[in-house]
Amino acid sequence: ASPELAEAAELARTAADAATAPAGAATAPADPVARPLAVANA
């Protein structure tokens, strides 16, 4: 219930969203690697 855990969750979500952002998105990394498990979980 702490604000610290809520803050951690939002920061982690930001990183996770960038990990599998679709091509052309502002946060999309240039990624030549297939990411089957990451994409499926995202």
PDB file of all heavy atoms in Angstrom:
ATOM      1  N   ALA A   1       0.811  -1.224   0.000  1.00  0.00           N
ATOM      2  CA  ALA A   1       0.000   0.000   0.000  1.00  0.00           C
ATOM      3  C   ALA A   1       0.841   1.269   0.000  1.00  0.00           C
ATOM      4  O   ALA A   1       0.294   2.375  -0.012  1.00  0.00           O
ATOM      5  CB  ALA A   1      -0.920   0.004   1.224  1.00  0.00           C
ATOM      6  N   SER A   2       2.168   1.125  -0.036  1.00  0.00           N
ATOM      7  CA  SER A   2       3.034   2.293   0.115  1.00  0.00           C
ATOM      8  C   SER A   2       3.153   3.082  -1.183  1.00  0.00           C
ATOM      9  O   SER A   2       3.073   2.530  -2.287  1.00  0.00           O
ATOM     10  CB  SER A   2       4.434   1.854   0.555  1.00  0.00           C
ATOM     11  OG  SER A   2       5.080   1.145  -0.493  1.00  0.00           O
ATOM     12  N   PRO A   3       3.360   4.403  -1.069  1.00  0.00           N
ATOM     13  CA  PRO A   3       3.592   5.212  -2.279  1.00  0.00           C
ATOM     14  C   PRO A   3       4.876   4.809  -2.989  1.00  0.00           C
ATOM     15  O   PRO A   3       4.989   4.963  -4.204  1.00  0.00           O
ATOM     16  CB  PRO A   3       3.657   6.649  -1.749  1.00  0.00           C
ATOM     17  CG  PRO A   3       3.951   6.521  -0.285  1.00  0.00           C
ATOM     18  CD  PRO A   3       3.340   5.232   0.153  1.00  0.00           C
ATOM     19  N   GLU A   4       5.847   4.282  -2.246  1.00  0.00           N
ATOM     20  CA  GLU A   4       7.103   3.860  -2.859  1.00  0.00           C
ATOM     21  C   GLU A   4       6.884   2.684  -3.814  1.00  0.00           C
ATOM     22  O   GLU A   4       7.453   2.647  -4.908  1.00  0.00           O
ATOM     23  CB  GLU A   4       8.127   3.472  -1.787  1.00  0.00           C
ATOM     24  CG  GLU A   4       8.668   4.641  -0.982  1.00  0.00           C
ATOM     25  CD  GLU A   4       7.708   5.105   0.111  1.00  0.00           C
ATOM     26  OE1 GLU A   4       6.722   4.379   0.404  1.00  0.00           O
ATOM     27  OE2 GLU A   4       7.947   6.181   0.674  1.00  0.00           O
ATOM     28  N   LEU A   5       6.039   1.727  -3.426  1.00  0.00           N
ATOM     29  CA  LEU A   5       5.790   0.605  -4.313  1.00  0.00           C
ATOM     30  C   LEU A   5       5.006   1.070  -5.544  1.00  0.00           C
ATOM     31  O   LEU A   5       5.261   0.621  -6.661  1.00  0.00           O
ATOM     32  CB  LEU A   5       5.044  -0.521  -3.607  1.00  0.00           C
ATOM     33  CG  LEU A   5       4.972  -1.783  -4.476  1.00  0.00           C
ATOM     34  CD1 LEU A   5       5.512  -2.987  -3.740  1.00  0.00           C
ATOM     35  CD2 LEU A   5       3.558  -2.039  -4.977  1.00  0.00           C
ATOM     36  N   ALA A   6       4.059   1.987  -5.351  1.00  0.00           N
ATOM     37  CA  ALA A   6       3.313   2.520  -6.492  1.00  0.00           C
ATOM     38  C   ALA A   6       4.248   3.236  -7.464  1.00  0.00           C
ATOM     39  O   ALA A   6       4.113   3.103  -8.692  1.00  0.00           O
ATOM     40  CB  ALA A   6       2.224   3.458  -6.005  1.00  0.00           C
ATOM     41  N   GLU A   7       5.210   3.988  -6.921  1.00  0.00           N
ATOM     42  CA  GLU A   7       6.170   4.677  -7.785  1.00  0.00           C
ATOM     43  C   GLU A   7       7.046   3.674  -8.526  1.00  0.00           C
ATOM     44  O   GLU A   7       7.296   3.825  -9.732  1.00  0.00           O
ATOM     45  CB  GLU A   7       7.038   5.619  -6.947  1.00  0.00           C
ATOM     46  CG  GLU A   7       8.024   6.428  -7.784  1.00  0.00           C
ATOM     47  CD  GLU A   7       8.953   7.291  -6.936  1.00  0.00           C
ATOM     48  OE1 GLU A   7       8.799   7.325  -5.695  1.00  0.00           O
ATOM     49  OE2 GLU A   7       9.849   7.928  -7.539  1.00  0.00           O
ATOM     50  N   ALA A   8       7.498   2.635  -7.817  1.00  0.00           N
ATOM     51  CA  ALA A   8       8.318   1.602  -8.456  1.00  0.00           C
ATOM     52  C   ALA A   8       7.544   0.925  -9.582  1.00  0.00           C
ATOM     53  O   ALA A   8       8.098   0.653 -10.656  1.00  0.00           O
ATOM     54  CB  ALA A   8       8.761   0.568  -7.420  1.00  0.00           C
ATOM     55  N   ALA A   9       6.269   0.661  -9.343  1.00  0.00           N
ATOM     56  CA  ALA A   9       5.456  -0.001 -10.361  1.00  0.00           C
ATOM     57  C   ALA A   9       5.353   0.850 -11.620  1.00  0.00           C
ATOM     58  O   ALA A   9       5.452   0.333 -12.743  1.00  0.00           O
ATOM     59  CB  ALA A   9       4.071  -0.296  -9.794  1.00  0.00           C
ATOM     60  N   GLU A  10       5.164   2.154 -11.462  1.00  0.00           N
ATOM     61  CA  GLU A  10       5.031   3.025 -12.628  1.00  0.00           C
ATOM     62  C   GLU A  10       6.343   3.148 -13.387  1.00  0.00           C
ATOM     63  O   GLU A  10       6.365   3.164 -14.626  1.00  0.00           O
ATOM     64  CB  GLU A  10       4.510   4.396 -12.211  1.00  0.00           C
ATOM     65  CG  GLU A  10       3.030   4.390 -11.891  1.00  0.00           C
ATOM     66  CD  GLU A  10       2.201   3.802 -13.031  1.00  0.00           C
ATOM     67  OE1 GLU A  10       2.367   4.263 -14.197  1.00  0.00           O
ATOM     68  OE2 GLU A  10       1.423   2.864 -12.790  1.00  0.00           O
ATOM     69  N   LEU A  11       7.455   3.219 -12.667  1.00  0.00           N
ATOM     70  CA  LEU A  11       8.752   3.268 -13.347  1.00  0.00           C
ATOM     71  C   LEU A  11       9.027   1.967 -14.091  1.00  0.00           C
ATOM     72  O   LEU A  11       9.503   1.977 -15.239  1.00  0.00           O
ATOM     73  CB  LEU A  11       9.855   3.543 -12.326  1.00  0.00           C
ATOM     74  CG  LEU A  11       9.890   4.955 -11.737  1.00  0.00           C
ATOM     75  CD1 LEU A  11      10.846   5.011 -10.542  1.00  0.00           C
ATOM     76  CD2 LEU A  11      10.291   5.984 -12.789  1.00  0.00           C
ATOM     77  N   ALA A  12       8.727   0.840 -13.450  1.00  0.00           N
ATOM     78  CA  ALA A  12       8.935  -0.458 -14.102  1.00  0.00           C
ATOM     79  C   ALA A  12       8.034  -0.596 -15.319  1.00  0.00           C
ATOM     80  O   ALA A  12       8.446  -1.131 -16.355  1.00  0.00           O
ATOM     81  CB  ALA A  12       8.679  -1.589 -13.109  1.00  0.00           C
ATOM     82  N   ARG A  13       6.797  -0.097 -15.203  1.00  0.00           N
ATOM     83  CA  ARG A  13       5.886  -0.170 -16.347  1.00  0.00           C
ATOM     84  C   ARG A  13       6.424   0.653 -17.528  1.00  0.00           C
ATOM     85  O   ARG A  13       6.331   0.235 -18.684  1.00  0.00           O
ATOM     86  CB  ARG A  13       4.495   0.335 -15.970  1.00  0.00           C
ATOM     87  CG  ARG A  13       3.443   0.007 -17.035  1.00  0.00           C
ATOM     88  CD  ARG A  13       2.299   1.019 -17.041  1.00  0.00           C
ATOM     89  NE  ARG A  13       1.515   1.065 -15.832  1.00  0.00           N
ATOM     90  CZ  ARG A  13       0.366   0.402 -15.631  1.00  0.00           C
ATOM     91  NH1 ARG A  13      -0.119  -0.392 -16.559  1.00  0.00           N
ATOM     92  NH2 ARG A  13      -0.295   0.550 -14.493  1.00  0.00           N
ATOM     93  N   THR A  14       6.981   1.828 -17.234  1.00  0.00           N
ATOM     94  CA  THR A  14       7.547   2.650 -18.301  1.00  0.00           C
ATOM     95  C   THR A  14       8.649   1.899 -19.043  1.00  0.00           C
ATOM     96  O   THR A  14       8.704   1.897 -20.281  1.00  0.00           O
ATOM     97  CB  THR A  14       8.095   3.963 -17.726  1.00  0.00           C
ATOM     98  OG1 THR A  14       7.018   4.706 -17.143  1.00  0.00           O
ATOM     99  CG2 THR A  14       8.769   4.801 -18.796  1.00  0.00           C
ATOM    100  N   ALA A  15       9.525   1.257 -18.292  1.00  0.00           N
ATOM    101  CA  ALA A  15      10.600   0.482 -18.920  1.00  0.00           C
ATOM    102  C   ALA A  15      10.038  -0.689 -19.704  1.00  0.00           C
ATOM    103  O   ALA A  15      10.466  -0.959 -20.836  1.00  0.00           O
ATOM    104  CB  ALA A  15      11.585   0.002 -17.855  1.00  0.00           C
ATOM    105  N   ALA A  16       9.066  -1.398 -19.129  1.00  0.00           N
ATOM    106  CA  ALA A  16       8.490  -2.557 -19.804  1.00  0.00           C
ATOM    107  C   ALA A  16       7.759  -2.154 -21.076  1.00  0.00           C
ATOM    108  O   ALA A  16       7.818  -2.852 -22.098  1.00  0.00           O
ATOM    109  CB  ALA A  16       7.550  -3.301 -18.856  1.00  0.00           C
ATOM    110  N   ASP A  17       7.064  -1.031 -21.045  1.00  0.00           N
ATOM    111  CA  ASP A  17       6.376  -0.548 -22.245  1.00  0.00           C
ATOM    112  C   ASP A  17       7.374  -0.263 -23.361  1.00  0.00           C
ATOM    113  O   ASP A  17       7.114  -0.534 -24.546  1.00  0.00           O
ATOM    114  CB  ASP A  17       5.571   0.709 -21.932  1.00  0.00           C
ATOM    115  CG  ASP A  17       4.284   0.417 -21.162  1.00  0.00           C
ATOM    116  OD1 ASP A  17       3.915  -0.771 -21.038  1.00  0.00           O
ATOM    117  OD2 ASP A  17       3.659   1.383 -20.688  1.00  0.00           O
ATOM    118  N   ALA A  18       8.517   0.285 -23.009  1.00  0.00           N
ATOM    119  CA  ALA A  18       9.532   0.577 -24.016  1.00  0.00           C
ATOM    120  C   ALA A  18      10.164  -0.688 -24.570  1.00  0.00           C
ATOM    121  O   ALA A  18      10.593  -0.726 -25.722  1.00  0.00           O
ATOM    122  CB  ALA A  18      10.613   1.473 -23.415  1.00  0.00           C
ATOM    123  N   ALA A  19      10.199  -1.743 -23.748  1.00  0.00           N
ATOM    124  CA  ALA A  19      10.849  -2.987 -24.166  1.00  0.00           C
ATOM    125  C   ALA A  19      10.188  -3.592 -25.386  1.00  0.00           C
ATOM    126  O   ALA A  19      10.852  -4.211 -26.227  1.00  0.00           O
ATOM    127  CB  ALA A  19      10.844  -3.990 -23.018  1.00  0.00           C
ATOM    128  N   THR A  20       8.874  -3.434 -25.491  1.00  0.00           N
ATOM    129  CA  THR A  20       8.155  -4.091 -26.580  1.00  0.00           C
ATOM    130  C   THR A  20       7.326  -3.096 -27.390  1.00  0.00           C
ATOM    131  O   THR A  20       6.334  -3.466 -28.013  1.00  0.00           O
ATOM    132  CB  THR A  20       7.237  -5.195 -26.032  1.00  0.00           C
ATOM    133  OG1 THR A  20       6.333  -4.623 -25.072  1.00  0.00           O
ATOM    134  CG2 THR A  20       8.054  -6.288 -25.357  1.00  0.00           C
ATOM    135  N   ALA A  21       7.714  -1.821 -27.386  1.00  0.00           N
ATOM    136  CA  ALA A  21       6.979  -0.810 -28.151  1.00  0.00           C
ATOM    137  C   ALA A  21       7.007  -1.156 -29.630  1.00  0.00           C
ATOM    138  O   ALA A  21       8.027  -1.628 -30.151  1.00  0.00           O
ATOM    139  CB  ALA A  21       7.598   0.564 -27.918  1.00  0.00           C
ATOM    140  N   PRO A  22       5.899  -0.957 -30.331  1.00  0.00           N
ATOM    141  CA  PRO A  22       5.874  -1.279 -31.761  1.00  0.00           C
ATOM    142  C   PRO A  22       6.792  -0.374 -32.561  1.00  0.00           C
ATOM    143  O   PRO A  22       7.108   0.745 -32.154  1.00  0.00           O
ATOM    144  CB  PRO A  22       4.403  -1.048 -32.146  1.00  0.00           C
ATOM    145  CG  PRO A  22       3.894  -0.083 -31.121  1.00  0.00           C
ATOM    146  CD  PRO A  22       4.611  -0.422 -29.854  1.00  0.00           C
ATOM    147  N   ALA A  23       7.238  -0.877 -33.681  1.00  0.00           N
ATOM    148  CA  ALA A  23       8.110  -0.085 -34.551  1.00  0.00           C
ATOM    149  C   ALA A  23       7.441   1.235 -34.901  1.00  0.00           C
ATOM    150  O   ALA A  23       6.252   1.287 -35.201  1.00  0.00           O
ATOM    151  CB  ALA A  23       8.419  -0.862 -35.826  1.00  0.00           C
ATOM    152  N   GLY A  24       8.202   2.303 -34.818  1.00  0.00           N
ATOM    153  CA  GLY A  24       7.669   3.624 -35.136  1.00  0.00           C
ATOM    154  C   GLY A  24       7.193   4.387 -33.918  1.00  0.00           C
ATOM    155  O   GLY A  24       6.976   5.591 -33.987  1.00  0.00           O
ATOM    156  N   ALA A  25       7.009   3.693 -32.781  1.00  0.00           N
ATOM    157  CA  ALA A  25       6.586   4.387 -31.566  1.00  0.00           C
ATOM    158  C   ALA A  25       7.744   5.229 -31.052  1.00  0.00           C
ATOM    159  O   ALA A  25       8.914   4.927 -31.277  1.00  0.00           O
ATOM    160  CB  ALA A  25       6.149   3.379 -30.515  1.00  0.00           C
ATOM    161  N   ALA A  26       7.371   6.269 -30.309  1.00  0.00           N
ATOM    162  CA  ALA A  26       8.405   7.187 -29.814  1.00  0.00           C
ATOM    163  C   ALA A  26       9.403   6.485 -28.915  1.00  0.00           C
ATOM    164  O   ALA A  26      10.575   6.850 -28.865  1.00  0.00           O
ATOM    165  CB  ALA A  26       7.741   8.345 -29.065  1.00  0.00           C
ATOM    166  N   THR A  27       8.938   5.446 -28.174  1.00  0.00           N
ATOM    167  CA  THR A  27       9.825   4.754 -27.241  1.00  0.00           C
ATOM    168  C   THR A  27      10.389   3.474 -27.814  1.00  0.00           C
ATOM    169  O   THR A  27      11.065   2.726 -27.117  1.00  0.00           O
ATOM    170  CB  THR A  27       9.065   4.415 -25.945  1.00  0.00           C
ATOM    171  OG1 THR A  27       7.919   3.615 -26.285  1.00  0.00           O
ATOM    172  CG2 THR A  27       8.636   5.652 -25.217  1.00  0.00           C
ATOM    173  N   ALA A  28      10.121   3.180 -29.098  1.00  0.00           N
ATOM    174  CA  ALA A  28      10.539   1.899 -29.665  1.00  0.00           C
ATOM    175  C   ALA A  28      12.056   1.828 -29.801  1.00  0.00           C
ATOM    176  O   ALA A  28      12.671   2.699 -30.404  1.00  0.00           O
ATOM    177  CB  ALA A  28       9.885   1.685 -31.019  1.00  0.00           C
ATOM    178  N   PRO A  29      12.678   0.778 -29.245  1.00  0.00           N
ATOM    179  CA  PRO A  29      14.104   0.588 -29.444  1.00  0.00           C
ATOM    180  C   PRO A  29      14.367  -0.007 -30.828  1.00  0.00           C
ATOM    181  O   PRO A  29      13.513  -0.663 -31.402  1.00  0.00           O
ATOM    182  CB  PRO A  29      14.486  -0.423 -28.346  1.00  0.00           C
ATOM    183  CG  PRO A  29      13.235  -1.217 -28.128  1.00  0.00           C
ATOM    184  CD  PRO A  29      12.091  -0.259 -28.371  1.00  0.00           C
ATOM    185  N   ALA A  30      15.531   0.248 -31.366  1.00  0.00           N
ATOM    186  CA  ALA A  30      15.950  -0.421 -32.597  1.00  0.00           C
ATOM    187  C   ALA A  30      16.359  -1.833 -32.201  1.00  0.00           C
ATOM    188  O   ALA A  30      17.386  -2.028 -31.567  1.00  0.00           O
ATOM    189  CB  ALA A  30      17.110   0.334 -33.231  1.00  0.00           C
ATOM    190  N   ASP A  31      15.549  -2.823 -32.547  1.00  0.00           N
ATOM    191  CA  ASP A  31      15.724  -4.155 -31.975  1.00  0.00           C
ATOM    192  C   ASP A  31      15.664  -5.216 -33.065  1.00  0.00           C
ATOM    193  O   ASP A  31      14.602  -5.507 -33.602  1.00  0.00           O
ATOM    194  CB  ASP A  31      14.622  -4.402 -30.943  1.00  0.00           C
ATOM    195  CG  ASP A  31      14.908  -5.621 -30.073  1.00  0.00           C
ATOM    196  OD1 ASP A  31      15.858  -6.357 -30.384  1.00  0.00           O
ATOM    197  OD2 ASP A  31      14.184  -5.813 -29.091  1.00  0.00           O
ATOM    198  N   PRO A  32      16.802  -5.827 -33.401  1.00  0.00           N
ATOM    199  CA  PRO A  32      16.816  -6.864 -34.428  1.00  0.00           C
ATOM    200  C   PRO A  32      16.458  -8.245 -33.889  1.00  0.00           C
ATOM    201  O   PRO A  32      16.432  -9.211 -34.647  1.00  0.00           O
ATOM    202  CB  PRO A  32      18.277  -6.835 -34.899  1.00  0.00           C
ATOM    203  CG  PRO A  32      19.036  -6.493 -33.650  1.00  0.00           C
ATOM    204  CD  PRO A  32      18.148  -5.532 -32.883  1.00  0.00           C
ATOM    205  N   VAL A  33      16.196  -8.351 -32.586  1.00  0.00           N
ATOM    206  CA  VAL A  33      16.019  -9.650 -31.942  1.00  0.00           C
ATOM    207  C   VAL A  33      14.539  -9.974 -31.787  1.00  0.00           C
ATOM    208  O   VAL A  33      13.740  -9.128 -31.384  1.00  0.00           O
ATOM    209  CB  VAL A  33      16.703  -9.648 -30.551  1.00  0.00           C
ATOM    210  CG1 VAL A  33      16.483 -10.964 -29.828  1.00  0.00           C
ATOM    211  CG2 VAL A  33      18.193  -9.361 -30.713  1.00  0.00           C
ATOM    212  N   ALA A  34      14.175 -11.216 -32.102  1.00  0.00           N
ATOM    213  CA  ALA A  34      12.813 -11.679 -31.819  1.00  0.00           C
ATOM    214  C   ALA A  34      12.637 -11.770 -30.310  1.00  0.00           C
ATOM    215  O   ALA A  34      13.540 -12.220 -29.598  1.00  0.00           O
ATOM    216  CB  ALA A  34      12.575 -13.032 -32.472  1.00  0.00           C
ATOM    217  N   ARG A  35      11.475 -11.366 -29.813  1.00  0.00           N
ATOM    218  CA  ARG A  35      11.242 -11.344 -28.367  1.00  0.00           C
ATOM    219  C   ARG A  35       9.940 -12.097 -28.050  1.00  0.00           C
ATOM    220  O   ARG A  35       8.971 -11.494 -27.567  1.00  0.00           O
ATOM    221  CB  ARG A  35      11.124  -9.904 -27.869  1.00  0.00           C
ATOM    222  CG  ARG A  35      12.283  -8.988 -28.238  1.00  0.00           C
ATOM    223  CD  ARG A  35      13.453  -9.119 -27.317  1.00  0.00           C
ATOM    224  NE  ARG A  35      14.467  -8.111 -27.616  1.00  0.00           N
ATOM    225  CZ  ARG A  35      15.607  -7.973 -26.942  1.00  0.00           C
ATOM    226  NH1 ARG A  35      15.867  -8.789 -25.941  1.00  0.00           N
ATOM    227  NH2 ARG A  35      16.475  -7.047 -27.268  1.00  0.00           N
ATOM    228  N   PRO A  36       9.857 -13.395 -28.308  1.00  0.00           N
ATOM    229  CA  PRO A  36       8.563 -14.086 -28.182  1.00  0.00           C
ATOM    230  C   PRO A  36       7.963 -14.039 -26.787  1.00  0.00           C
ATOM    231  O   PRO A  36       6.757 -13.781 -26.644  1.00  0.00           O
ATOM    232  CB  PRO A  36       8.881 -15.523 -28.604  1.00  0.00           C
ATOM    233  CG  PRO A  36      10.367 -15.660 -28.439  1.00  0.00           C
ATOM    234  CD  PRO A  36      10.928 -14.307 -28.749  1.00  0.00           C
ATOM    235  N   LEU A  37       8.757 -14.268 -25.754  1.00  0.00           N
ATOM    236  CA  LEU A  37       8.201 -14.297 -24.406  1.00  0.00           C
ATOM    237  C   LEU A  37       7.917 -12.897 -23.885  1.00  0.00           C
ATOM    238  O   LEU A  37       6.909 -12.670 -23.208  1.00  0.00           O
ATOM    239  CB  LEU A  37       9.138 -15.051 -23.465  1.00  0.00           C
ATOM    240  CG  LEU A  37       9.151 -16.566 -23.677  1.00  0.00           C
ATOM    241  CD1 LEU A  37      10.298 -17.211 -22.915  1.00  0.00           C
ATOM    242  CD2 LEU A  37       7.824 -17.184 -23.249  1.00  0.00           C
ATOM    243  N   ALA A  38       8.779 -11.942 -24.204  1.00  0.00           N
ATOM    244  CA  ALA A  38       8.527 -10.568 -23.771  1.00  0.00           C
ATOM    245  C   ALA A  38       7.274 -10.019 -24.434  1.00  0.00           C
ATOM    246  O   ALA A  38       6.409  -9.419 -23.782  1.00  0.00           O
ATOM    247  CB  ALA A  38       9.733  -9.686 -24.094  1.00  0.00           C
ATOM    248  N   VAL A  39       7.141 -10.209 -25.735  1.00  0.00           N
ATOM    249  CA  VAL A  39       5.987  -9.682 -26.464  1.00  0.00           C
ATOM    250  C   VAL A  39       4.703 -10.340 -25.993  1.00  0.00           C
ATOM    251  O   VAL A  39       3.673  -9.674 -25.805  1.00  0.00           O
ATOM    252  CB  VAL A  39       6.190  -9.878 -27.980  1.00  0.00           C
ATOM    253  CG1 VAL A  39       4.906  -9.590 -28.743  1.00  0.00           C
ATOM    254  CG2 VAL A  39       7.319  -8.972 -28.483  1.00  0.00           C
ATOM    255  N   ALA A  40       4.741 -11.646 -25.776  1.00  0.00           N
ATOM    256  CA  ALA A  40       3.534 -12.355 -25.335  1.00  0.00           C
ATOM    257  C   ALA A  40       3.082 -11.874 -23.966  1.00  0.00           C
ATOM    258  O   ALA A  40       1.881 -11.682 -23.721  1.00  0.00           O
ATOM    259  CB  ALA A  40       3.797 -13.859 -25.297  1.00  0.00           C
ATOM    260  N   ASN A  41       4.010 -11.634 -23.059  1.00  0.00           N
ATOM    261  CA  ASN A  41       3.638 -11.134 -21.732  1.00  0.00           C
ATOM    262  C   ASN A  41       3.176  -9.687 -21.791  1.00  0.00           C
ATOM    263  O   ASN A  41       2.252  -9.290 -21.071  1.00  0.00           O
ATOM    264  CB  ASN A  41       4.814 -11.286 -20.763  1.00  0.00           C
ATOM    265  CG  ASN A  41       4.913 -12.670 -20.174  1.00  0.00           C
ATOM    266  OD1 ASN A  41       4.203 -13.018 -19.234  1.00  0.00           O
ATOM    267  ND2 ASN A  41       5.796 -13.492 -20.732  1.00  0.00           N
ATOM    268  N   ALA A  42       3.793  -8.884 -22.654  1.00  0.00           N
ATOM    269  CA  ALA A  42       3.398  -7.479 -22.765  1.00  0.00           C
ATOM    270  C   ALA A  42       2.006  -7.331 -23.349  1.00  0.00           C
ATOM    271  O   ALA A  42       1.333  -6.317 -23.115  1.00  0.00           O
ATOM    272  CB  ALA A  42       4.406  -6.729 -23.623  1.00  0.00           C
TER     273      ALA A  42
END
